[in-house]
Amino acid sequence: QTVFIDTPGIHKPKHELGKFMTDLALGTLNEVDMVMFM
């Protein structure tokens, strides 16, 4: 069983929503067993 996690695009945030999205994506790196950098 493979659980793929699609994350928000990592970018330089311009507002709080952008910061949330980037933090969410980067935070995922520490929670998984493997990373696919696309």
Full PDB file with SEQRES, HELIX, SHEET, SSBOND, CRYST1, ORIGX, SCALE, CONECT and MASTER records, all heavy atoms in Angstrom:
SEQRES   1 A   38  GLN THR VAL PHE ILE ASP THR PRO GLY ILE HIS LYS PRO          
SEQRES   2 A   38  LYS HIS GLU LEU GLY LYS PHE MET THR ASP LEU ALA LEU          
SEQRES   3 A   38  GLY THR LEU ASN GLU VAL ASP MET VAL MET PHE MET              
HELIX    1 AA1 GLU A   16  THR A   28  1                                  13    
CRYST1    1.000    1.000    1.000  90.00  90.00  90.00 P 1           1          
ORIGX1      1.000000  0.000000  0.000000        0.00000                         
ORIGX2      0.000000  1.000000  0.000000        0.00000                         
ORIGX3      0.000000  0.000000  1.000000        0.00000                         
SCALE1      1.000000  0.000000  0.000000        0.00000                         
SCALE2      0.000000  1.000000  0.000000        0.00000                         
SCALE3      0.000000  0.000000  1.000000        0.00000                         
ATOM      1  N   GLN A   1       0.856  -1.186   0.000  1.00  0.00           N  
ATOM      2  CA  GLN A   1       0.000   0.000   0.000  1.00  0.00           C  
ATOM      3  C   GLN A   1       0.894   1.238   0.000  1.00  0.00           C  
ATOM      4  O   GLN A   1       1.734   1.417   0.881  1.00  0.00           O  
ATOM      5  CB  GLN A   1      -0.919   0.035   1.223  1.00  0.00           C  
ATOM      6  CG  GLN A   1      -1.890   1.211   1.201  1.00  0.00           C  
ATOM      7  CD  GLN A   1      -2.955   1.111   2.283  1.00  0.00           C  
ATOM      8  OE1 GLN A   1      -2.697   1.446   3.425  1.00  0.00           O  
ATOM      9  NE2 GLN A   1      -4.145   0.632   1.920  1.00  0.00           N  
ATOM     10  N   THR A   2       0.726   2.055  -1.039  1.00  0.00           N  
ATOM     11  CA  THR A   2       1.496   3.291  -1.167  1.00  0.00           C  
ATOM     12  C   THR A   2       0.567   4.470  -0.954  1.00  0.00           C  
ATOM     13  O   THR A   2      -0.489   4.554  -1.587  1.00  0.00           O  
ATOM     14  CB  THR A   2       2.141   3.406  -2.562  1.00  0.00           C  
ATOM     15  OG1 THR A   2       2.911   2.229  -2.817  1.00  0.00           O  
ATOM     16  CG2 THR A   2       3.041   4.627  -2.638  1.00  0.00           C  
ATOM     17  N   VAL A   3       0.957   5.379  -0.065  1.00  0.00           N  
ATOM     18  CA  VAL A   3       0.168   6.587   0.182  1.00  0.00           C  
ATOM     19  C   VAL A   3       0.954   7.771  -0.368  1.00  0.00           C  
ATOM     20  O   VAL A   3       1.951   8.204   0.220  1.00  0.00           O  
ATOM     21  CB  VAL A   3      -0.118   6.781   1.689  1.00  0.00           C  
ATOM     22  CG1 VAL A   3      -1.034   7.982   1.893  1.00  0.00           C  
ATOM     23  CG2 VAL A   3      -0.725   5.528   2.298  1.00  0.00           C  
ATOM     24  N   PHE A   4       0.528   8.269  -1.532  1.00  0.00           N  
ATOM     25  CA  PHE A   4       1.160   9.453  -2.131  1.00  0.00           C  
ATOM     26  C   PHE A   4       0.561  10.703  -1.488  1.00  0.00           C  
ATOM     27  O   PHE A   4      -0.650  10.787  -1.282  1.00  0.00           O  
ATOM     28  CB  PHE A   4       0.915   9.503  -3.639  1.00  0.00           C  
ATOM     29  CG  PHE A   4       1.765   8.543  -4.423  1.00  0.00           C  
ATOM     30  CD1 PHE A   4       1.217   7.363  -4.916  1.00  0.00           C  
ATOM     31  CD2 PHE A   4       3.100   8.815  -4.671  1.00  0.00           C  
ATOM     32  CE1 PHE A   4       1.993   6.471  -5.643  1.00  0.00           C  
ATOM     33  CE2 PHE A   4       3.883   7.931  -5.393  1.00  0.00           C  
ATOM     34  CZ  PHE A   4       3.331   6.753  -5.883  1.00  0.00           C  
ATOM     35  N   ILE A   5       1.423  11.673  -1.192  1.00  0.00           N  
ATOM     36  CA  ILE A   5       0.950  12.934  -0.622  1.00  0.00           C  
ATOM     37  C   ILE A   5       1.289  14.066  -1.587  1.00  0.00           C  
ATOM     38  O   ILE A   5       2.457  14.411  -1.784  1.00  0.00           O  
ATOM     39  CB  ILE A   5       1.587  13.201   0.757  1.00  0.00           C  
ATOM     40  CG1 ILE A   5       1.296  12.030   1.703  1.00  0.00           C  
ATOM     41  CG2 ILE A   5       1.055  14.500   1.342  1.00  0.00           C  
ATOM     42  CD1 ILE A   5       1.972  12.149   3.056  1.00  0.00           C  
ATOM     43  N   ASP A   6       0.255  14.605  -2.220  1.00  0.00           N  
ATOM     44  CA  ASP A   6       0.416  15.743  -3.128  1.00  0.00           C  
ATOM     45  C   ASP A   6       0.480  17.000  -2.266  1.00  0.00           C  
ATOM     46  O   ASP A   6      -0.426  17.262  -1.478  1.00  0.00           O  
ATOM     47  CB  ASP A   6      -0.787  15.789  -4.092  1.00  0.00           C  
ATOM     48  CG  ASP A   6      -0.745  16.994  -5.024  1.00  0.00           C  
ATOM     49  OD1 ASP A   6       0.350  17.554  -5.225  1.00  0.00           O  
ATOM     50  OD2 ASP A   6      -1.812  17.374  -5.539  1.00  0.00           O  
ATOM     51  N   THR A   7       1.555  17.768  -2.390  1.00  0.00           N  
ATOM     52  CA  THR A   7       1.749  18.938  -1.539  1.00  0.00           C  
ATOM     53  C   THR A   7       1.636  20.236  -2.342  1.00  0.00           C  
ATOM     54  O   THR A   7       1.826  20.239  -3.551  1.00  0.00           O  
ATOM     55  CB  THR A   7       3.143  18.900  -0.873  1.00  0.00           C  
ATOM     56  OG1 THR A   7       4.149  18.950  -1.890  1.00  0.00           O  
ATOM     57  CG2 THR A   7       3.317  17.649  -0.034  1.00  0.00           C  
ATOM     58  N   PRO A   8       1.337  21.354  -1.653  1.00  0.00           N  
ATOM     59  CA  PRO A   8       1.336  22.651  -2.351  1.00  0.00           C  
ATOM     60  C   PRO A   8       2.712  22.954  -2.936  1.00  0.00           C  
ATOM     61  O   PRO A   8       3.732  22.528  -2.388  1.00  0.00           O  
ATOM     62  CB  PRO A   8       0.988  23.646  -1.236  1.00  0.00           C  
ATOM     63  CG  PRO A   8       0.309  22.835  -0.182  1.00  0.00           C  
ATOM     64  CD  PRO A   8       0.950  21.479  -0.238  1.00  0.00           C  
ATOM     65  N   GLY A   9       2.731  23.693  -4.031  1.00  0.00           N  
ATOM     66  CA  GLY A   9       4.003  24.087  -4.630  1.00  0.00           C  
ATOM     67  C   GLY A   9       4.809  24.956  -3.676  1.00  0.00           C  
ATOM     68  O   GLY A   9       4.268  25.877  -3.052  1.00  0.00           O  
ATOM     69  N   ILE A  10       6.091  24.657  -3.548  1.00  0.00           N  
ATOM     70  CA  ILE A  10       6.957  25.409  -2.632  1.00  0.00           C  
ATOM     71  C   ILE A  10       7.409  26.694  -3.333  1.00  0.00           C  
ATOM     72  O   ILE A  10       7.991  26.644  -4.416  1.00  0.00           O  
ATOM     73  CB  ILE A  10       8.159  24.547  -2.200  1.00  0.00           C  
ATOM     74  CG1 ILE A  10       7.651  23.316  -1.422  1.00  0.00           C  
ATOM     75  CG2 ILE A  10       9.133  25.353  -1.359  1.00  0.00           C  
ATOM     76  CD1 ILE A  10       8.710  22.270  -1.146  1.00  0.00           C  
ATOM     77  N   HIS A  11       7.120  27.827  -2.706  1.00  0.00           N  
ATOM     78  CA  HIS A  11       7.417  29.122  -3.324  1.00  0.00           C  
ATOM     79  C   HIS A  11       7.707  30.164  -2.244  1.00  0.00           C  
ATOM     80  O   HIS A  11       7.510  29.896  -1.059  1.00  0.00           O  
ATOM     81  CB  HIS A  11       6.227  29.587  -4.175  1.00  0.00           C  
ATOM     82  CG  HIS A  11       4.979  29.800  -3.364  1.00  0.00           C  
ATOM     83  ND1 HIS A  11       4.235  28.747  -2.855  1.00  0.00           N  
ATOM     84  CD2 HIS A  11       4.355  30.927  -2.952  1.00  0.00           C  
ATOM     85  CE1 HIS A  11       3.206  29.224  -2.176  1.00  0.00           C  
ATOM     86  NE2 HIS A  11       3.254  30.546  -2.204  1.00  0.00           N  
ATOM     87  N   LYS A  12       8.157  31.322  -2.647  1.00  0.00           N  
ATOM     88  CA  LYS A  12       8.396  32.412  -1.700  1.00  0.00           C  
ATOM     89  C   LYS A  12       7.054  33.052  -1.357  1.00  0.00           C  
ATOM     90  O   LYS A  12       6.406  33.646  -2.223  1.00  0.00           O  
ATOM     91  CB  LYS A  12       9.340  33.452  -2.328  1.00  0.00           C  
ATOM     92  CG  LYS A  12       9.819  34.502  -1.347  1.00  0.00           C  
ATOM     93  CD  LYS A  12      10.828  35.430  -1.995  1.00  0.00           C  
ATOM     94  CE  LYS A  12      11.305  36.481  -0.998  1.00  0.00           C  
ATOM     95  NZ  LYS A  12      12.296  37.393  -1.600  1.00  0.00           N  
ATOM     96  N   PRO A  13       6.613  32.937  -0.100  1.00  0.00           N  
ATOM     97  CA  PRO A  13       5.263  33.405   0.254  1.00  0.00           C  
ATOM     98  C   PRO A  13       5.106  34.925   0.192  1.00  0.00           C  
ATOM     99  O   PRO A  13       6.026  35.658   0.537  1.00  0.00           O  
ATOM    100  CB  PRO A  13       5.093  32.916   1.708  1.00  0.00           C  
ATOM    101  CG  PRO A  13       6.235  32.012   1.995  1.00  0.00           C  
ATOM    102  CD  PRO A  13       7.327  32.369   1.047  1.00  0.00           C  
ATOM    103  N   LYS A  14       3.912  35.346  -0.238  1.00  0.00           N  
ATOM    104  CA  LYS A  14       3.604  36.780  -0.282  1.00  0.00           C  
ATOM    105  C   LYS A  14       2.526  37.143   0.732  1.00  0.00           C  
ATOM    106  O   LYS A  14       2.200  38.306   0.905  1.00  0.00           O  
ATOM    107  CB  LYS A  14       3.139  37.167  -1.697  1.00  0.00           C  
ATOM    108  CG  LYS A  14       4.231  37.028  -2.754  1.00  0.00           C  
ATOM    109  CD  LYS A  14       3.712  37.419  -4.121  1.00  0.00           C  
ATOM    110  CE  LYS A  14       4.795  37.270  -5.187  1.00  0.00           C  
ATOM    111  NZ  LYS A  14       4.293  37.576  -6.544  1.00  0.00           N  
ATOM    112  N   HIS A  15       1.933  36.132   1.375  1.00  0.00           N  
ATOM    113  CA  HIS A  15       0.887  36.375   2.368  1.00  0.00           C  
ATOM    114  C   HIS A  15       0.812  35.159   3.290  1.00  0.00           C  
ATOM    115  O   HIS A  15       1.531  34.174   3.091  1.00  0.00           O  
ATOM    116  CB  HIS A  15      -0.467  36.645   1.694  1.00  0.00           C  
ATOM    117  CG  HIS A  15      -0.726  35.780   0.500  1.00  0.00           C  
ATOM    118  ND1 HIS A  15      -0.828  34.398   0.582  1.00  0.00           N  
ATOM    119  CD2 HIS A  15      -0.872  36.078  -0.811  1.00  0.00           C  
ATOM    120  CE1 HIS A  15      -1.039  33.900  -0.622  1.00  0.00           C  
ATOM    121  NE2 HIS A  15      -1.059  34.891  -1.482  1.00  0.00           N  
ATOM    122  N   GLU A  16      -0.055  35.216   4.292  1.00  0.00           N  
ATOM    123  CA  GLU A  16      -0.165  34.140   5.283  1.00  0.00           C  
ATOM    124  C   GLU A  16      -0.589  32.814   4.639  1.00  0.00           C  
ATOM    125  O   GLU A  16      -0.149  31.744   5.059  1.00  0.00           O  
ATOM    126  CB  GLU A  16      -1.156  34.522   6.387  1.00  0.00           C  
ATOM    127  CG  GLU A  16      -0.593  35.496   7.406  1.00  0.00           C  
ATOM    128  CD  GLU A  16       0.545  34.911   8.245  1.00  0.00           C  
ATOM    129  OE1 GLU A  16       0.530  33.698   8.527  1.00  0.00           O  
ATOM    130  OE2 GLU A  16       1.455  35.672   8.606  1.00  0.00           O  
ATOM    131  N   LEU A  17      -1.470  32.882   3.638  1.00  0.00           N  
ATOM    132  CA  LEU A  17      -1.878  31.653   2.951  1.00  0.00           C  
ATOM    133  C   LEU A  17      -0.675  30.999   2.281  1.00  0.00           C  
ATOM    134  O   LEU A  17      -0.476  29.784   2.377  1.00  0.00           O  
ATOM    135  CB  LEU A  17      -2.973  31.945   1.922  1.00  0.00           C  
ATOM    136  CG  LEU A  17      -3.401  30.748   1.044  1.00  0.00           C  
ATOM    137  CD1 LEU A  17      -3.971  29.615   1.897  1.00  0.00           C  
ATOM    138  CD2 LEU A  17      -4.414  31.187  -0.011  1.00  0.00           C  
ATOM    139  N   GLY A  18       0.147  31.803   1.610  1.00  0.00           N  
ATOM    140  CA  GLY A  18       1.346  31.278   0.952  1.00  0.00           C  
ATOM    141  C   GLY A  18       2.310  30.668   1.948  1.00  0.00           C  
ATOM    142  O   GLY A  18       2.923  29.625   1.694  1.00  0.00           O  
ATOM    143  N   LYS A  19       2.443  31.294   3.113  1.00  0.00           N  
ATOM    144  CA  LYS A  19       3.327  30.769   4.162  1.00  0.00           C  
ATOM    145  C   LYS A  19       2.801  29.427   4.663  1.00  0.00           C  
ATOM    146  O   LYS A  19       3.563  28.474   4.858  1.00  0.00           O  
ATOM    147  CB  LYS A  19       3.421  31.771   5.310  1.00  0.00           C  
ATOM    148  CG  LYS A  19       4.397  31.358   6.415  1.00  0.00           C  
ATOM    149  CD  LYS A  19       4.484  32.438   7.490  1.00  0.00           C  
ATOM    150  CE  LYS A  19       5.529  32.068   8.549  1.00  0.00           C  
ATOM    151  NZ  LYS A  19       5.249  30.790   9.209  1.00  0.00           N  
ATOM    152  N   PHE A  20       1.482  29.348   4.881  1.00  0.00           N  
ATOM    153  CA  PHE A  20       0.865  28.087   5.318  1.00  0.00           C  
ATOM    154  C   PHE A  20       1.153  26.977   4.309  1.00  0.00           C  
ATOM    155  O   PHE A  20       1.536  25.867   4.670  1.00  0.00           O  
ATOM    156  CB  PHE A  20      -0.651  28.276   5.479  1.00  0.00           C  
ATOM    157  CG  PHE A  20      -1.433  26.992   5.445  1.00  0.00           C  
ATOM    158  CD1 PHE A  20      -1.451  26.141   6.544  1.00  0.00           C  
ATOM    159  CD2 PHE A  20      -2.136  26.623   4.301  1.00  0.00           C  
ATOM    160  CE1 PHE A  20      -2.154  24.938   6.503  1.00  0.00           C  
ATOM    161  CE2 PHE A  20      -2.843  25.430   4.256  1.00  0.00           C  
ATOM    162  CZ  PHE A  20      -2.852  24.586   5.359  1.00  0.00           C  
ATOM    163  N   MET A  21       0.992  27.283   3.025  1.00  0.00           N  
ATOM    164  CA  MET A  21       1.171  26.284   1.970  1.00  0.00           C  
ATOM    165  C   MET A  21       2.616  25.774   1.922  1.00  0.00           C  
ATOM    166  O   MET A  21       2.863  24.567   1.853  1.00  0.00           O  
ATOM    167  CB  MET A  21       0.763  26.885   0.617  1.00  0.00           C  
ATOM    168  CG  MET A  21      -0.734  27.105   0.480  1.00  0.00           C  
ATOM    169  SD  MET A  21      -1.155  28.342  -0.781  1.00  0.00           S  
ATOM    170  CE  MET A  21      -0.475  27.614  -2.253  1.00  0.00           C  
ATOM    171  N   THR A  22       3.574  26.711   1.958  1.00  0.00           N  
ATOM    172  CA  THR A  22       4.991  26.327   1.888  1.00  0.00           C  
ATOM    173  C   THR A  22       5.420  25.562   3.129  1.00  0.00           C  
ATOM    174  O   THR A  22       6.119  24.543   3.046  1.00  0.00           O  
ATOM    175  CB  THR A  22       5.865  27.574   1.669  1.00  0.00           C  
ATOM    176  OG1 THR A  22       5.543  28.147   0.391  1.00  0.00           O  
ATOM    177  CG2 THR A  22       7.338  27.227   1.677  1.00  0.00           C  
ATOM    178  N   ASP A  23       4.985  26.036   4.310  1.00  0.00           N  
ATOM    179  CA  ASP A  23       5.308  25.331   5.561  1.00  0.00           C  
ATOM    180  C   ASP A  23       4.734  23.919   5.564  1.00  0.00           C  
ATOM    181  O   ASP A  23       5.366  22.975   6.042  1.00  0.00           O  
ATOM    182  CB  ASP A  23       4.764  26.105   6.771  1.00  0.00           C  
ATOM    183  CG  ASP A  23       5.540  27.393   7.047  1.00  0.00           C  
ATOM    184  OD1 ASP A  23       6.611  27.581   6.433  1.00  0.00           O  
ATOM    185  OD2 ASP A  23       5.068  28.208   7.865  1.00  0.00           O  
ATOM    186  N   LEU A  24       3.527  23.789   5.015  1.00  0.00           N  
ATOM    187  CA  LEU A  24       2.863  22.481   4.956  1.00  0.00           C  
ATOM    188  C   LEU A  24       3.673  21.515   4.096  1.00  0.00           C  
ATOM    189  O   LEU A  24       3.914  20.368   4.476  1.00  0.00           O  
ATOM    190  CB  LEU A  24       1.455  22.651   4.370  1.00  0.00           C  
ATOM    191  CG  LEU A  24       0.494  21.470   4.471  1.00  0.00           C  
ATOM    192  CD1 LEU A  24       0.078  21.239   5.919  1.00  0.00           C  
ATOM    193  CD2 LEU A  24      -0.738  21.727   3.614  1.00  0.00           C  
ATOM    194  N   ALA A  25       4.109  21.996   2.927  1.00  0.00           N  
ATOM    195  CA  ALA A  25       4.876  21.147   2.005  1.00  0.00           C  
ATOM    196  C   ALA A  25       6.217  20.743   2.605  1.00  0.00           C  
ATOM    197  O   ALA A  25       6.606  19.568   2.575  1.00  0.00           O  
ATOM    198  CB  ALA A  25       5.081  21.864   0.675  1.00  0.00           C  
ATOM    199  N   LEU A  26       6.934  21.705   3.173  1.00  0.00           N  
ATOM    200  CA  LEU A  26       8.251  21.416   3.752  1.00  0.00           C  
ATOM    201  C   LEU A  26       8.136  20.530   4.990  1.00  0.00           C  
ATOM    202  O   LEU A  26       8.972  19.662   5.230  1.00  0.00           O  
ATOM    203  CB  LEU A  26       8.978  22.720   4.100  1.00  0.00           C  
ATOM    204  CG  LEU A  26       9.404  23.581   2.899  1.00  0.00           C  
ATOM    205  CD1 LEU A  26       9.954  24.922   3.368  1.00  0.00           C  
ATOM    206  CD2 LEU A  26      10.437  22.849   2.042  1.00  0.00           C  
ATOM    207  N   GLY A  27       7.068  20.740   5.769  1.00  0.00           N  
ATOM    208  CA  GLY A  27       6.850  19.921   6.962  1.00  0.00           C  
ATOM    209  C   GLY A  27       6.611  18.463   6.626  1.00  0.00           C  
ATOM    210  O   GLY A  27       6.948  17.563   7.405  1.00  0.00           O  
ATOM    211  N   THR A  28       6.055  18.212   5.452  1.00  0.00           N  
ATOM    212  CA  THR A  28       5.765  16.842   5.022  1.00  0.00           C  
ATOM    213  C   THR A  28       7.043  16.020   4.855  1.00  0.00           C  
ATOM    214  O   THR A  28       7.036  14.795   5.032  1.00  0.00           O  
ATOM    215  CB  THR A  28       4.983  16.865   3.683  1.00  0.00           C  
ATOM    216  OG1 THR A  28       3.820  17.679   3.847  1.00  0.00           O  
ATOM    217  CG2 THR A  28       4.555  15.479   3.254  1.00  0.00           C  
ATOM    218  N   LEU A  29       8.149  16.681   4.524  1.00  0.00           N  
ATOM    219  CA  LEU A  29       9.410  15.976   4.275  1.00  0.00           C  
ATOM    220  C   LEU A  29       9.852  15.142   5.477  1.00  0.00           C  
ATOM    221  O   LEU A  29      10.524  14.125   5.316  1.00  0.00           O  
ATOM    222  CB  LEU A  29      10.511  16.977   3.919  1.00  0.00           C  
ATOM    223  CG  LEU A  29      10.304  17.798   2.639  1.00  0.00           C  
ATOM    224  CD1 LEU A  29      11.426  18.814   2.486  1.00  0.00           C  
ATOM    225  CD2 LEU A  29      10.221  16.896   1.416  1.00  0.00           C  
ATOM    226  N   ASN A  30       9.473  15.571   6.660  1.00  0.00           N  
ATOM    227  CA  ASN A  30       9.899  14.871   7.878  1.00  0.00           C  
ATOM    228  C   ASN A  30       8.921  13.781   8.311  1.00  0.00           C  
ATOM    229  O   ASN A  30       9.168  13.098   9.303  1.00  0.00           O  
ATOM    230  CB  ASN A  30      10.068  15.883   9.018  1.00  0.00           C  
ATOM    231  CG  ASN A  30      11.043  16.992   8.668  1.00  0.00           C  
ATOM    232  OD1 ASN A  30      12.110  16.721   8.132  1.00  0.00           O  
ATOM    233  ND2 ASN A  30      10.680  18.230   8.951  1.00  0.00           N  
ATOM    234  N   GLU A  31       7.807  13.649   7.573  1.00  0.00           N  
ATOM    235  CA  GLU A  31       6.753  12.730   8.011  1.00  0.00           C  
ATOM    236  C   GLU A  31       6.626  11.498   7.119  1.00  0.00           C  
ATOM    237  O   GLU A  31       5.769  10.647   7.367  1.00  0.00           O  
ATOM    238  CB  GLU A  31       5.397  13.467   8.014  1.00  0.00           C  
ATOM    239  CG  GLU A  31       5.374  14.723   8.869  1.00  0.00           C  
ATOM    240  CD  GLU A  31       4.156  15.583   8.594  1.00  0.00           C  
ATOM    241  OE1 GLU A  31       3.373  15.239   7.682  1.00  0.00           O  
ATOM    242  OE2 GLU A  31       3.972  16.602   9.287  1.00  0.00           O  
ATOM    243  N   VAL A  32       7.440  11.400   6.069  1.00  0.00           N  
ATOM    244  CA  VAL A  32       7.231  10.352   5.066  1.00  0.00           C  
ATOM    245  C   VAL A  32       8.396   9.362   5.010  1.00  0.00           C  
ATOM    246  O   VAL A  32       9.436   9.558   5.627  1.00  0.00           O  
ATOM    247  CB  VAL A  32       7.017  10.968   3.664  1.00  0.00           C  
ATOM    248  CG1 VAL A  32       5.739  11.791   3.635  1.00  0.00           C  
ATOM    249  CG2 VAL A  32       8.220  11.824   3.260  1.00  0.00           C  
ATOM    250  N   ASP A  33       8.194   8.294   4.232  1.00  0.00           N  
ATOM    251  CA  ASP A  33       9.199   7.247   4.082  1.00  0.00           C  
ATOM    252  C   ASP A  33      10.038   7.433   2.815  1.00  0.00           C  
ATOM    253  O   ASP A  33      11.077   6.799   2.652  1.00  0.00           O  
ATOM    254  CB  ASP A  33       8.508   5.878   4.027  1.00  0.00           C  
ATOM    255  CG  ASP A  33       7.629   5.657   5.247  1.00  0.00           C  
ATOM    256  OD1 ASP A  33       8.182   5.573   6.349  1.00  0.00           O  
ATOM    257  OD2 ASP A  33       6.395   5.594   5.108  1.00  0.00           O  
ATOM    258  N   MET A  34       9.552   8.293   1.924  1.00  0.00           N  
ATOM    259  CA  MET A  34      10.218   8.490   0.639  1.00  0.00           C  
ATOM    260  C   MET A  34       9.773   9.842   0.072  1.00  0.00           C  
ATOM    261  O   MET A  34       8.664  10.293   0.347  1.00  0.00           O  
ATOM    262  CB  MET A  34       9.776   7.364  -0.314  1.00  0.00           C  
ATOM    263  CG  MET A  34      10.684   7.065  -1.476  1.00  0.00           C  
ATOM    264  SD  MET A  34       9.954   5.746  -2.520  1.00  0.00           S  
ATOM    265  CE  MET A  34       9.549   4.482  -1.309  1.00  0.00           C  
ATOM    266  N   VAL A  35      10.636  10.475  -0.727  1.00  0.00           N  
ATOM    267  CA  VAL A  35      10.294  11.770  -1.327  1.00  0.00           C  
ATOM    268  C   VAL A  35      10.493  11.699  -2.833  1.00  0.00           C  
ATOM    269  O   VAL A  35      11.513  11.203  -3.318  1.00  0.00           O  
ATOM    270  CB  VAL A  35      11.163  12.910  -0.750  1.00  0.00           C  
ATOM    271  CG1 VAL A  35      10.853  14.231  -1.449  1.00  0.00           C  
ATOM    272  CG2 VAL A  35      10.940  13.054   0.751  1.00  0.00           C  
ATOM    273  N   MET A  36       9.504  12.193  -3.568  1.00  0.00           N  
ATOM    274  CA  MET A  36       9.596  12.352  -5.012  1.00  0.00           C  
ATOM    275  C   MET A  36       9.671  13.852  -5.300  1.00  0.00           C  
ATOM    276  O   MET A  36       8.700  14.577  -5.074  1.00  0.00           O  
ATOM    277  CB  MET A  36       8.364  11.762  -5.712  1.00  0.00           C  
ATOM    278  CG  MET A  36       8.214  10.271  -5.550  1.00  0.00           C  
ATOM    279  SD  MET A  36       9.223   9.397  -6.740  1.00  0.00           S  
ATOM    280  CE  MET A  36       9.188   7.739  -6.062  1.00  0.00           C  
ATOM    281  N   PHE A  37      10.845  14.321  -5.753  1.00  0.00           N  
ATOM    282  CA  PHE A  37      11.022  15.728  -6.092  1.00  0.00           C  
ATOM    283  C   PHE A  37      10.728  15.895  -7.572  1.00  0.00           C  
ATOM    284  O   PHE A  37      11.465  15.415  -8.427  1.00  0.00           O  
ATOM    285  CB  PHE A  37      12.446  16.168  -5.762  1.00  0.00           C  
ATOM    286  CG  PHE A  37      12.818  17.522  -6.318  1.00  0.00           C  
ATOM    287  CD1 PHE A  37      11.959  18.605  -6.192  1.00  0.00           C  
ATOM    288  CD2 PHE A  37      14.034  17.718  -6.967  1.00  0.00           C  
ATOM    289  CE1 PHE A  37      12.302  19.851  -6.705  1.00  0.00           C  
ATOM    290  CE2 PHE A  37      14.391  18.959  -7.478  1.00  0.00           C  
ATOM    291  CZ  PHE A  37      13.514  20.028  -7.349  1.00  0.00           C  
ATOM    292  N   MET A  38       9.619  16.569  -7.871  1.00  0.00           N  
ATOM    293  CA  MET A  38       9.173  16.701  -9.257  1.00  0.00           C  
ATOM    294  C   MET A  38       9.580  18.037  -9.853  1.00  0.00           C  
ATOM    295  O   MET A  38       9.439  19.089  -9.218  1.00  0.00           O  
ATOM    296  CB  MET A  38       7.650  16.525  -9.345  1.00  0.00           C  
ATOM    297  CG  MET A  38       7.126  16.478 -10.761  1.00  0.00           C  
ATOM    298  SD  MET A  38       5.344  16.072 -10.837  1.00  0.00           S  
ATOM    299  CE  MET A  38       5.359  14.345 -10.367  1.00  0.00           C  
TER     300      MET A  38                                                      
MASTER        0    0    0    1    0    0    0    6  299    1    0    3          
END                                                                             
